[in-house]
Amino acid sequence: MWKTWKKSFDTWEAATADFLEQALQNRAVLEPAGHALTGAMKLKAAGDRATAAWWGAVGLPTKRDQERSLHSLNELHSRILDLEDRLVELEHQLPAASSTKRPRAPRKGASKG
């Protein structure tokens, strides 16, 4: 039974592939499909603009606002990590005879107690 089904499927797949290959090279199919895709993308862009305007009118941050805030937050996080690395480098350059050590701030997520 499996072999019969597989043989039927392979025959159907070959016929369908040949048909679609010819159809997708035909300008009568490609031009309307291209116009439909262009129209759909314009409609989506208009919908996105309307949604952003609505969110803004309600007073909530838009997707663009959120992305801008996230970018700024990532930049700040990167700068903090760079400063921590620089601080470690400077601490290693201090003379070993120095007995005063600065207490280290607890890391994020460290347990208290």
PDB file of N, CA and C in Angstrom:
ATOM      1  N   MET A   1       0.812  -1.182   0.000  1.00  0.00           N
ATOM      2  CA  MET A   1       0.000   0.000   0.000  1.00  0.00           C
ATOM      3  C   MET A   1       0.871   1.268   0.000  1.00  0.00           C
ATOM      4  N   TRP A   2       1.935   1.254   0.800  1.00  0.00           N
ATOM      5  CA  TRP A   2       2.826   2.412   0.877  1.00  0.00           C
ATOM      6  C   TRP A   2       3.456   2.710  -0.481  1.00  0.00           C
ATOM      7  N   LYS A   3       3.896   1.664  -1.159  1.00  0.00           N
ATOM      8  CA  LYS A   3       4.537   1.870  -2.469  1.00  0.00           C
ATOM      9  C   LYS A   3       3.558   2.474  -3.470  1.00  0.00           C
ATOM     10  N   THR A   4       2.315   2.039  -3.434  1.00  0.00           N
ATOM     11  CA  THR A   4       1.305   2.571  -4.336  1.00  0.00           C
ATOM     12  C   THR A   4       1.067   4.056  -4.036  1.00  0.00           C
ATOM     13  N   TRP A   5       0.929   4.374  -2.771  1.00  0.00           N
ATOM     14  CA  TRP A   5       0.716   5.771  -2.381  1.00  0.00           C
ATOM     15  C   TRP A   5       1.911   6.628  -2.776  1.00  0.00           C
ATOM     16  N   LYS A   6       3.109   6.145  -2.516  1.00  0.00           N
ATOM     17  CA  LYS A   6       4.327   6.883  -2.841  1.00  0.00           C
ATOM     18  C   LYS A   6       4.432   7.112  -4.347  1.00  0.00           C
ATOM     19  N   LYS A   7       4.108   6.103  -5.128  1.00  0.00           N
ATOM     20  CA  LYS A   7       4.171   6.218  -6.584  1.00  0.00           C
ATOM     21  C   LYS A   7       3.153   7.249  -7.071  1.00  0.00           C
ATOM     22  N   SER A   8       1.950   7.216  -6.519  1.00  0.00           N
ATOM     23  CA  SER A   8       0.916   8.188  -6.881  1.00  0.00           C
ATOM     24  C   SER A   8       1.342   9.595  -6.499  1.00  0.00           C
ATOM     25  N   PHE A   9       1.901   9.742  -5.329  1.00  0.00           N
ATOM     26  CA  PHE A   9       2.357  11.059  -4.880  1.00  0.00           C
ATOM     27  C   PHE A   9       3.457  11.592  -5.785  1.00  0.00           C
ATOM     28  N   ASP A  10       4.418  10.764  -6.116  1.00  0.00           N
ATOM     29  CA  ASP A  10       5.511  11.192  -6.980  1.00  0.00           C
ATOM     30  C   ASP A  10       4.993  11.633  -8.353  1.00  0.00           C
ATOM     31  N   THR A  11       4.019  10.903  -8.894  1.00  0.00           N
ATOM     32  CA  THR A  11       3.430  11.268 -10.184  1.00  0.00           C
ATOM     33  C   THR A  11       2.726  12.618 -10.072  1.00  0.00           C
ATOM     34  N   TRP A  12       1.936  12.795  -9.017  1.00  0.00           N
ATOM     35  CA  TRP A  12       1.226  14.064  -8.807  1.00  0.00           C
ATOM     36  C   TRP A  12       2.217  15.210  -8.616  1.00  0.00           C
ATOM     37  N   GLU A  13       3.263  14.978  -7.837  1.00  0.00           N
ATOM     38  CA  GLU A  13       4.242  16.021  -7.568  1.00  0.00           C
ATOM     39  C   GLU A  13       4.960  16.446  -8.852  1.00  0.00           C
ATOM     40  N   ALA A  14       5.330  15.510  -9.677  1.00  0.00           N
ATOM     41  CA  ALA A  14       6.021  15.829 -10.928  1.00  0.00           C
ATOM     42  C   ALA A  14       5.114  16.646 -11.848  1.00  0.00           C
ATOM     43  N   ALA A  15       3.852  16.237 -11.976  1.00  0.00           N
ATOM     44  CA  ALA A  15       2.910  16.964 -12.838  1.00  0.00           C
ATOM     45  C   ALA A  15       2.675  18.379 -12.291  1.00  0.00           C
ATOM     46  N   THR A  16       2.509  18.497 -10.998  1.00  0.00           N
ATOM     47  CA  THR A  16       2.278  19.804 -10.374  1.00  0.00           C
ATOM     48  C   THR A  16       3.498  20.700 -10.530  1.00  0.00           C
ATOM     49  N   ALA A  17       4.673  20.165 -10.339  1.00  0.00           N
ATOM     50  CA  ALA A  17       5.904  20.942 -10.472  1.00  0.00           C
ATOM     51  C   ALA A  17       6.065  21.460 -11.893  1.00  0.00           C
ATOM     52  N   ASP A  18       5.793  20.612 -12.879  1.00  0.00           N
ATOM     53  CA  ASP A  18       5.887  21.052 -14.278  1.00  0.00           C
ATOM     54  C   ASP A  18       4.898  22.176 -14.566  1.00  0.00           C
ATOM     55  N   PHE A  19       3.650  22.012 -14.098  1.00  0.00           N
ATOM     56  CA  PHE A  19       2.627  23.027 -14.319  1.00  0.00           C
ATOM     57  C   PHE A  19       3.020  24.349 -13.662  1.00  0.00           C
ATOM     58  N   LEU A  20       3.442  24.306 -12.403  1.00  0.00           N
ATOM     59  CA  LEU A  20       3.793  25.525 -11.690  1.00  0.00           C
ATOM     60  C   LEU A  20       5.026  26.197 -12.286  1.00  0.00           C
ATOM     61  N   GLU A  21       5.955  25.414 -12.743  1.00  0.00           N
ATOM     62  CA  GLU A  21       7.151  25.990 -13.366  1.00  0.00           C
ATOM     63  C   GLU A  21       6.772  26.780 -14.610  1.00  0.00           C
ATOM     64  N   GLN A  22       5.892  26.230 -15.411  1.00  0.00           N
ATOM     65  CA  GLN A  22       5.436  26.943 -16.611  1.00  0.00           C
ATOM     66  C   GLN A  22       4.589  28.158 -16.228  1.00  0.00           C
ATOM     67  N   ALA A  23       3.706  28.008 -15.263  1.00  0.00           N
ATOM     68  CA  ALA A  23       2.817  29.103 -14.866  1.00  0.00           C
ATOM     69  C   ALA A  23       3.604  30.266 -14.267  1.00  0.00           C
ATOM     70  N   LEU A  24       4.614  29.957 -13.484  1.00  0.00           N
ATOM     71  CA  LEU A  24       5.365  31.010 -12.817  1.00  0.00           C
ATOM     72  C   LEU A  24       6.380  31.689 -13.729  1.00  0.00           C
ATOM     73  N   GLN A  25       6.488  31.234 -14.956  1.00  0.00           N
ATOM     74  CA  GLN A  25       7.316  31.919 -15.941  1.00  0.00           C
ATOM     75  C   GLN A  25       6.456  32.718 -16.927  1.00  0.00           C
ATOM     76  N   ASN A  26       5.157  32.661 -16.747  1.00  0.00           N
ATOM     77  CA  ASN A  26       4.219  33.320 -17.643  1.00  0.00           C
ATOM     78  C   ASN A  26       3.925  34.735 -17.123  1.00  0.00           C
ATOM     79  N   ARG A  27       4.081  35.746 -17.987  1.00  0.00           N
ATOM     80  CA  ARG A  27       3.850  37.135 -17.586  1.00  0.00           C
ATOM     81  C   ARG A  27       2.390  37.361 -17.177  1.00  0.00           C
ATOM     82  N   ALA A  28       1.479  36.603 -17.764  1.00  0.00           N
ATOM     83  CA  ALA A  28       0.061  36.749 -17.435  1.00  0.00           C
ATOM     84  C   ALA A  28      -0.218  36.360 -15.981  1.00  0.00           C
ATOM     85  N   VAL A  29       0.650  35.559 -15.391  1.00  0.00           N
ATOM     86  CA  VAL A  29       0.514  35.178 -13.987  1.00  0.00           C
ATOM     87  C   VAL A  29       1.363  36.094 -13.100  1.00  0.00           C
ATOM     88  N   LEU A  30       2.588  36.386 -13.556  1.00  0.00           N
ATOM     89  CA  LEU A  30       3.516  37.146 -12.725  1.00  0.00           C
ATOM     90  C   LEU A  30       3.093  38.593 -12.509  1.00  0.00           C
ATOM     91  N   GLU A  31       2.624  39.266 -13.553  1.00  0.00           N
ATOM     92  CA  GLU A  31       2.261  40.678 -13.411  1.00  0.00           C
ATOM     93  C   GLU A  31       1.123  40.892 -12.419  1.00  0.00           C
ATOM     94  N   PRO A  32       0.001  40.166 -12.531  1.00  0.00           N
ATOM     95  CA  PRO A  32      -1.058  40.357 -11.531  1.00  0.00           C
ATOM     96  C   PRO A  32      -0.602  39.963 -10.119  1.00  0.00           C
ATOM     97  N   ALA A  33       0.217  38.923 -10.029  1.00  0.00           N
ATOM     98  CA  ALA A  33       0.720  38.521  -8.707  1.00  0.00           C
ATOM     99  C   ALA A  33       1.605  39.613  -8.117  1.00  0.00           C
ATOM    100  N   GLY A  34       2.419  40.232  -8.957  1.00  0.00           N
ATOM    101  CA  GLY A  34       3.268  41.325  -8.495  1.00  0.00           C
ATOM    102  C   GLY A  34       2.455  42.524  -8.046  1.00  0.00           C
ATOM    103  N   HIS A  35       1.415  42.845  -8.810  1.00  0.00           N
ATOM    104  CA  HIS A  35       0.541  43.968  -8.435  1.00  0.00           C
ATOM    105  C   HIS A  35      -0.187  43.663  -7.125  1.00  0.00           C
ATOM    106  N   ALA A  36      -0.631  42.433  -6.968  1.00  0.00           N
ATOM    107  CA  ALA A  36      -1.322  42.045  -5.731  1.00  0.00           C
ATOM    108  C   ALA A  36      -0.374  42.149  -4.538  1.00  0.00           C
ATOM    109  N   LEU A  37       0.855  41.707  -4.716  1.00  0.00           N
ATOM    110  CA  LEU A  37       1.835  41.783  -3.636  1.00  0.00           C
ATOM    111  C   LEU A  37       2.147  43.235  -3.291  1.00  0.00           C
ATOM    112  N   THR A  38       2.307  44.084  -4.308  1.00  0.00           N
ATOM    113  CA  THR A  38       2.561  45.508  -4.077  1.00  0.00           C
ATOM    114  C   THR A  38       1.398  46.133  -3.318  1.00  0.00           C
ATOM    115  N   GLY A  39       0.185  45.816  -3.738  1.00  0.00           N
ATOM    116  CA  GLY A  39      -0.996  46.343  -3.046  1.00  0.00           C
ATOM    117  C   GLY A  39      -1.077  45.881  -1.607  1.00  0.00           C
ATOM    118  N   ALA A  40      -0.774  44.624  -1.375  1.00  0.00           N
ATOM    119  CA  ALA A  40      -0.807  44.094  -0.007  1.00  0.00           C
ATOM    120  C   ALA A  40       0.229  44.779   0.880  1.00  0.00           C
ATOM    121  N   MET A  41       1.413  45.030   0.332  1.00  0.00           N
ATOM    122  CA  MET A  41       2.462  45.692   1.112  1.00  0.00           C
ATOM    123  C   MET A  41       2.085  47.144   1.410  1.00  0.00           C
ATOM    124  N   LYS A  42       1.470  47.841   0.439  1.00  0.00           N
ATOM    125  CA  LYS A  42       1.016  49.209   0.685  1.00  0.00           C
ATOM    126  C   LYS A  42      -0.074  49.234   1.748  1.00  0.00           C
ATOM    127  N   LEU A  43      -0.979  48.267   1.687  1.00  0.00           N
ATOM    128  CA  LEU A  43      -2.041  48.168   2.679  1.00  0.00           C
ATOM    129  C   LEU A  43      -1.465  47.901   4.064  1.00  0.00           C
ATOM    130  N   LYS A  44      -0.482  47.033   4.148  1.00  0.00           N
ATOM    131  CA  LYS A  44       0.151  46.733   5.434  1.00  0.00           C
ATOM    132  C   LYS A  44       0.853  47.971   5.985  1.00  0.00           C
ATOM    133  N   ALA A  45       1.567  48.696   5.119  1.00  0.00           N
ATOM    134  CA  ALA A  45       2.265  49.906   5.559  1.00  0.00           C
ATOM    135  C   ALA A  45       1.271  50.946   6.071  1.00  0.00           C
ATOM    136  N   ALA A  46       0.148  51.106   5.372  1.00  0.00           N
ATOM    137  CA  ALA A  46      -0.874  52.055   5.817  1.00  0.00           C
ATOM    138  C   ALA A  46      -1.461  51.613   7.163  1.00  0.00           C
ATOM    139  N   GLY A  47      -1.680  50.326   7.311  1.00  0.00           N
ATOM    140  CA  GLY A  47      -2.183  49.799   8.587  1.00  0.00           C
ATOM    141  C   GLY A  47      -1.198  50.026   9.717  1.00  0.00           C
ATOM    142  N   ASP A  48       0.083  49.821   9.441  1.00  0.00           N
ATOM    143  CA  ASP A  48       1.109  50.048  10.463  1.00  0.00           C
ATOM    144  C   ASP A  48       1.153  51.511  10.881  1.00  0.00           C
ATOM    145  N   ARG A  49       1.044  52.423   9.892  1.00  0.00           N
ATOM    146  CA  ARG A  49       1.042  53.854  10.205  1.00  0.00           C
ATOM    147  C   ARG A  49      -0.181  54.223  11.034  1.00  0.00           C
ATOM    148  N   ALA A  50      -1.330  53.677  10.680  1.00  0.00           N
ATOM    149  CA  ALA A  50      -2.563  53.965  11.425  1.00  0.00           C
ATOM    150  C   ALA A  50      -2.480  53.430  12.848  1.00  0.00           C
ATOM    151  N   THR A  51      -1.930  52.248  12.997  1.00  0.00           N
ATOM    152  CA  THR A  51      -1.778  51.674  14.328  1.00  0.00           C
ATOM    153  C   THR A  51      -0.841  52.514  15.186  1.00  0.00           C
ATOM    154  N   ALA A  52       0.281  52.929  14.613  1.00  0.00           N
ATOM    155  CA  ALA A  52       1.225  53.765  15.357  1.00  0.00           C
ATOM    156  C   ALA A  52       0.592  55.092  15.739  1.00  0.00           C
ATOM    157  N   ALA A  53      -0.181  55.683  14.821  1.00  0.00           N
ATOM    158  CA  ALA A  53      -0.855  56.952  15.128  1.00  0.00           C
ATOM    159  C   ALA A  53      -1.878  56.761  16.238  1.00  0.00           C
ATOM    160  N   TRP A  54      -2.589  55.662  16.222  1.00  0.00           N
ATOM    161  CA  TRP A  54      -3.585  55.396  17.263  1.00  0.00           C
ATOM    162  C   TRP A  54      -2.913  55.234  18.619  1.00  0.00           C
ATOM    163  N   TRP A  55      -1.825  54.426  18.672  1.00  0.00           N
ATOM    164  CA  TRP A  55      -1.099  54.241  19.934  1.00  0.00           C
ATOM    165  C   TRP A  55      -0.591  55.584  20.451  1.00  0.00           C
ATOM    166  N   GLY A  56      -0.059  56.404  19.537  1.00  0.00           N
ATOM    167  CA  GLY A  56       0.443  57.714  19.931  1.00  0.00           C
ATOM    168  C   GLY A  56      -0.668  58.616  20.439  1.00  0.00           C
ATOM    169  N   ALA A  57      -1.829  58.562  19.794  1.00  0.00           N
ATOM    170  CA  ALA A  57      -2.960  59.398  20.211  1.00  0.00           C
ATOM    171  C   ALA A  57      -3.465  58.997  21.590  1.00  0.00           C
ATOM    172  N   VAL A  58      -3.390  57.723  21.901  1.00  0.00           N
ATOM    173  CA  VAL A  58      -3.830  57.234  23.206  1.00  0.00           C
ATOM    174  C   VAL A  58      -2.794  57.585  24.280  1.00  0.00           C
ATOM    175  N   GLY A  59      -1.597  57.903  23.846  1.00  0.00           N
ATOM    176  CA  GLY A  59      -0.545  58.270  24.794  1.00  0.00           C
ATOM    177  C   GLY A  59       0.394  57.130  25.141  1.00  0.00           C
ATOM    178  N   LEU A  60       0.289  56.039  24.417  1.00  0.00           N
ATOM    179  CA  LEU A  60       1.161  54.892  24.664  1.00  0.00           C
ATOM    180  C   LEU A  60       2.338  54.928  23.701  1.00  0.00           C
ATOM    181  N   PRO A  61       3.467  54.350  24.102  1.00  0.00           N
ATOM    182  CA  PRO A  61       4.625  54.353  23.202  1.00  0.00           C
ATOM    183  C   PRO A  61       4.382  53.460  21.981  1.00  0.00           C
ATOM    184  N   THR A  62       4.808  53.951  20.843  1.00  0.00           N
ATOM    185  CA  THR A  62       4.677  53.177  19.606  1.00  0.00           C
ATOM    186  C   THR A  62       5.818  52.162  19.533  1.00  0.00           C
ATOM    187  N   LYS A  63       5.748  51.312  18.543  1.00  0.00           N
ATOM    188  CA  LYS A  63       6.809  50.319  18.338  1.00  0.00           C
ATOM    189  C   LYS A  63       8.140  51.024  18.143  1.00  0.00           C
ATOM    190  N   ARG A  64       8.143  52.116  17.382  1.00  0.00           N
ATOM    191  CA  ARG A  64       9.374  52.870  17.143  1.00  0.00           C
ATOM    192  C   ARG A  64       9.920  53.462  18.448  1.00  0.00           C
ATOM    193  N   ASP A  65       9.019  53.989  19.289  1.00  0.00           N
ATOM    194  CA  ASP A  65       9.434  54.523  20.593  1.00  0.00           C
ATOM    195  C   ASP A  65      10.067  53.428  21.451  1.00  0.00           C
ATOM    196  N   GLN A  66       9.438  52.269  21.460  1.00  0.00           N
ATOM    197  CA  GLN A  66       9.951  51.151  22.254  1.00  0.00           C
ATOM    198  C   GLN A  66      11.313  50.697  21.734  1.00  0.00           C
ATOM    199  N   GLU A  67      11.469  50.628  20.419  1.00  0.00           N
ATOM    200  CA  GLU A  67      12.758  50.217  19.837  1.00  0.00           C
ATOM    201  C   GLU A  67      13.849  51.228  20.173  1.00  0.00           C
ATOM    202  N   ARG A  68      13.512  52.517  20.123  1.00  0.00           N
ATOM    203  CA  ARG A  68      14.482  53.561  20.443  1.00  0.00           C
ATOM    204  C   ARG A  68      14.904  53.464  21.917  1.00  0.00           C
ATOM    205  N   SER A  69      13.932  53.236  22.805  1.00  0.00           N
ATOM    206  CA  SER A  69      14.238  53.098  24.226  1.00  0.00           C
ATOM    207  C   SER A  69      15.092  51.860  24.488  1.00  0.00           C
ATOM    208  N   LEU A  70      14.758  50.762  23.826  1.00  0.00           N
ATOM    209  CA  LEU A  70      15.538  49.536  23.999  1.00  0.00           C
ATOM    210  C   LEU A  70      16.961  49.721  23.503  1.00  0.00           C
ATOM    211  N   HIS A  71      17.129  50.435  22.401  1.00  0.00           N
ATOM    212  CA  HIS A  71      18.469  50.701  21.874  1.00  0.00           C
ATOM    213  C   HIS A  71      19.276  51.520  22.880  1.00  0.00           C
ATOM    214  N   SER A  72      18.665  52.554  23.444  1.00  0.00           N
ATOM    215  CA  SER A  72      19.357  53.379  24.449  1.00  0.00           C
ATOM    216  C   SER A  72      19.717  52.547  25.676  1.00  0.00           C
ATOM    217  N   LEU A  73      18.804  51.695  26.103  1.00  0.00           N
ATOM    218  CA  LEU A  73      19.064  50.838  27.253  1.00  0.00           C
ATOM    219  C   LEU A  73      20.225  49.886  26.978  1.00  0.00           C
ATOM    220  N   ASN A  74      20.273  49.319  25.780  1.00  0.00           N
ATOM    221  CA  ASN A  74      21.377  48.425  25.420  1.00  0.00           C
ATOM    222  C   ASN A  74      22.705  49.172  25.368  1.00  0.00           C
ATOM    223  N   GLU A  75      22.678  50.417  24.871  1.00  0.00           N
ATOM    224  CA  GLU A  75      23.907  51.216  24.859  1.00  0.00           C
ATOM    225  C   GLU A  75      24.401  51.478  26.278  1.00  0.00           C
ATOM    226  N   LEU A  76      23.475  51.840  27.172  1.00  0.00           N
ATOM    227  CA  LEU A  76      23.859  52.084  28.571  1.00  0.00           C
ATOM    228  C   LEU A  76      24.419  50.825  29.227  1.00  0.00           C
ATOM    229  N   HIS A  77      23.777  49.704  28.964  1.00  0.00           N
ATOM    230  CA  HIS A  77      24.248  48.435  29.523  1.00  0.00           C
ATOM    231  C   HIS A  77      25.660  48.124  29.034  1.00  0.00           C
ATOM    232  N   SER A  78      25.900  48.351  27.753  1.00  0.00           N
ATOM    233  CA  SER A  78      27.226  48.107  27.190  1.00  0.00           C
ATOM    234  C   SER A  78      28.266  49.021  27.838  1.00  0.00           C
ATOM    235  N   ARG A  79      27.910  50.281  28.042  1.00  0.00           N
ATOM    236  CA  ARG A  79      28.843  51.212  28.678  1.00  0.00           C
ATOM    237  C   ARG A  79      29.151  50.800  30.112  1.00  0.00           C
ATOM    238  N   ILE A  80      28.142  50.348  30.832  1.00  0.00           N
ATOM    239  CA  ILE A  80      28.371  49.902  32.214  1.00  0.00           C
ATOM    240  C   ILE A  80      29.324  48.714  32.235  1.00  0.00           C
ATOM    241  N   LEU A  81      29.111  47.763  31.325  1.00  0.00           N
ATOM    242  CA  LEU A  81      30.007  46.596  31.267  1.00  0.00           C
ATOM    243  C   LEU A  81      31.430  47.028  30.945  1.00  0.00           C
ATOM    244  N   ASP A  82      31.584  47.977  30.007  1.00  0.00           N
ATOM    245  CA  ASP A  82      32.917  48.485  29.670  1.00  0.00           C
ATOM    246  C   ASP A  82      33.565  49.161  30.871  1.00  0.00           C
ATOM    247  N   LEU A  83      32.792  49.948  31.620  1.00  0.00           N
ATOM    248  CA  LEU A  83      33.328  50.614  32.808  1.00  0.00           C
ATOM    249  C   LEU A  83      33.727  49.604  33.886  1.00  0.00           C
ATOM    250  N   GLU A  84      32.932  48.548  34.038  1.00  0.00           N
ATOM    251  CA  GLU A  84      33.291  47.509  35.004  1.00  0.00           C
ATOM    252  C   GLU A  84      34.601  46.838  34.614  1.00  0.00           C
ATOM    253  N   ASP A  85      34.767  46.556  33.322  1.00  0.00           N
ATOM    254  CA  ASP A  85      36.015  45.950  32.853  1.00  0.00           C
ATOM    255  C   ASP A  85      37.199  46.881  33.101  1.00  0.00           C
ATOM    256  N   ARG A  86      37.004  48.159  32.828  1.00  0.00           N
ATOM    257  CA  ARG A  86      38.071  49.147  33.030  1.00  0.00           C
ATOM    258  C   ARG A  86      38.419  49.259  34.508  1.00  0.00           C
ATOM    259  N   LEU A  87      37.406  49.206  35.361  1.00  0.00           N
ATOM    260  CA  LEU A  87      37.636  49.276  36.803  1.00  0.00           C
ATOM    261  C   LEU A  87      38.451  48.073  37.280  1.00  0.00           C
ATOM    262  N   VAL A  88      38.162  46.904  36.767  1.00  0.00           N
ATOM    263  CA  VAL A  88      38.926  45.707  37.132  1.00  0.00           C
ATOM    264  C   VAL A  88      40.379  45.871  36.694  1.00  0.00           C
ATOM    265  N   GLU A  89      40.589  46.411  35.481  1.00  0.00           N
ATOM    266  CA  GLU A  89      41.956  46.646  35.006  1.00  0.00           C
ATOM    267  C   GLU A  89      42.699  47.612  35.925  1.00  0.00           C
ATOM    268  N   LEU A  90      42.029  48.669  36.322  1.00  0.00           N
ATOM    269  CA  LEU A  90      42.668  49.660  37.205  1.00  0.00           C
ATOM    270  C   LEU A  90      42.955  49.080  38.583  1.00  0.00           C
ATOM    271  N   GLU A  91      42.058  48.242  39.083  1.00  0.00           N
ATOM    272  CA  GLU A  91      42.283  47.612  40.386  1.00  0.00           C
ATOM    273  C   GLU A  91      43.503  46.697  40.334  1.00  0.00           C
ATOM    274  N   HIS A  92      43.724  46.026  39.218  1.00  0.00           N
ATOM    275  CA  HIS A  92      44.887  45.138  39.084  1.00  0.00           C
ATOM    276  C   HIS A  92      46.183  45.931  38.985  1.00  0.00           C
ATOM    277  N   GLN A  93      46.092  47.179  38.553  1.00  0.00           N
ATOM    278  CA  GLN A  93      47.285  48.007  38.435  1.00  0.00           C
ATOM    279  C   GLN A  93      47.697  48.622  39.767  1.00  0.00           C
ATOM    280  N   LEU A  94      46.807  48.599  40.753  1.00  0.00           N
ATOM    281  CA  LEU A  94      47.142  49.142  42.073  1.00  0.00           C
ATOM    282  C   LEU A  94      48.256  48.311  42.700  1.00  0.00           C
ATOM    283  N   PRO A  95      49.093  48.943  43.495  1.00  0.00           N
ATOM    284  CA  PRO A  95      50.148  48.169  44.161  1.00  0.00           C
ATOM    285  C   PRO A  95      49.550  47.116  45.090  1.00  0.00           C
ATOM    286  N   ALA A  96      50.216  45.972  45.166  1.00  0.00           N
ATOM    287  CA  ALA A  96      49.734  44.871  45.992  1.00  0.00           C
ATOM    288  C   ALA A  96      49.796  45.220  47.472  1.00  0.00           C
ATOM    289  N   ALA A  97      50.627  46.174  47.874  1.00  0.00           N
ATOM    290  CA  ALA A  97      50.769  46.539  49.275  1.00  0.00           C
ATOM    291  C   ALA A  97      49.563  47.305  49.793  1.00  0.00           C
ATOM    292  N   SER A  98      48.723  47.778  48.904  1.00  0.00           N
ATOM    293  CA  SER A  98      47.563  48.549  49.335  1.00  0.00           C
ATOM    294  C   SER A  98      46.616  47.646  50.104  1.00  0.00           C
ATOM    295  N   SER A  99      46.358  48.024  51.351  1.00  0.00           N
ATOM    296  CA  SER A  99      45.515  47.177  52.190  1.00  0.00           C
ATOM    297  C   SER A  99      44.062  47.622  52.164  1.00  0.00           C
ATOM    298  N   THR A 100      43.801  48.782  51.604  1.00  0.00           N
ATOM    299  CA  THR A 100      42.415  49.247  51.560  1.00  0.00           C
ATOM    300  C   THR A 100      41.776  48.749  50.277  1.00  0.00           C
ATOM    301  N   LYS A 101      40.756  47.992  50.466  1.00  0.00           N
ATOM    302  CA  LYS A 101      40.022  47.479  49.313  1.00  0.00           C
ATOM    303  C   LYS A 101      38.626  48.069  49.324  1.00  0.00           C
ATOM    304  N   ARG A 102      38.201  48.451  48.194  1.00  0.00           N
ATOM    305  CA  ARG A 102      36.866  48.997  48.039  1.00  0.00           C
ATOM    306  C   ARG A 102      35.874  47.839  48.087  1.00  0.00           C
ATOM    307  N   PRO A 103      34.797  47.991  48.878  1.00  0.00           N
ATOM    308  CA  PRO A 103      33.804  46.904  48.892  1.00  0.00           C
ATOM    309  C   PRO A 103      33.131  46.790  47.529  1.00  0.00           C
ATOM    310  N   ARG A 104      32.959  45.590  47.108  1.00  0.00           N
ATOM    311  CA  ARG A 104      32.402  45.327  45.789  1.00  0.00           C
ATOM    312  C   ARG A 104      30.879  45.347  45.846  1.00  0.00           C
ATOM    313  N   ALA A 105      30.276  46.013  44.891  1.00  0.00           N
ATOM    314  CA  ALA A 105      28.817  46.080  44.819  1.00  0.00           C
ATOM    315  C   ALA A 105      28.274  44.709  44.420  1.00  0.00           C
ATOM    316  N   PRO A 106      27.150  44.319  45.006  1.00  0.00           N
ATOM    317  CA  PRO A 106      26.586  43.001  44.643  1.00  0.00           C
ATOM    318  C   PRO A 106      26.128  42.991  43.200  1.00  0.00           C
ATOM    319  N   ARG A 107      26.332  41.876  42.543  1.00  0.00           N
ATOM    320  CA  ARG A 107      25.930  41.702  41.148  1.00  0.00           C
ATOM    321  C   ARG A 107      24.413  41.563  41.067  1.00  0.00           C
ATOM    322  N   LYS A 108      23.882  41.915  39.920  1.00  0.00           N
ATOM    323  CA  LYS A 108      22.455  41.775  39.690  1.00  0.00           C
ATOM    324  C   LYS A 108      22.086  40.300  39.785  1.00  0.00           C
ATOM    325  N   GLY A 109      21.041  40.042  40.536  1.00  0.00           N
ATOM    326  CA  GLY A 109      20.581  38.663  40.675  1.00  0.00           C
ATOM    327  C   GLY A 109      21.243  37.934  41.844  1.00  0.00           C
ATOM    328  N   ALA A 110      22.209  38.586  42.515  1.00  0.00           N
ATOM    329  CA  ALA A 110      22.865  37.935  43.648  1.00  0.00           C
ATOM    330  C   ALA A 110      21.909  37.896  44.817  1.00  0.00           C
ATOM    331  N   SER A 111      21.967  36.814  45.587  1.00  0.00           N
ATOM    332  CA  SER A 111      21.048  36.679  46.718  1.00  0.00           C
ATOM    333  C   SER A 111      21.509  37.554  47.888  1.00  0.00           C
ATOM    334  N   LYS A 112      20.533  38.108  48.572  1.00  0.00           N
ATOM    335  CA  LYS A 112      20.831  38.947  49.738  1.00  0.00           C
ATOM    336  C   LYS A 112      20.729  38.107  50.985  1.00  0.00           C
ATOM    337  N   GLY A 113      21.635  38.375  51.901  1.00  0.00           N
ATOM    338  CA  GLY A 113      21.482  37.693  53.191  1.00  0.00           C
ATOM    339  C   GLY A 113      22.577  36.801  53.410  1.00  0.00           C
TER     340      GLY A 113
END
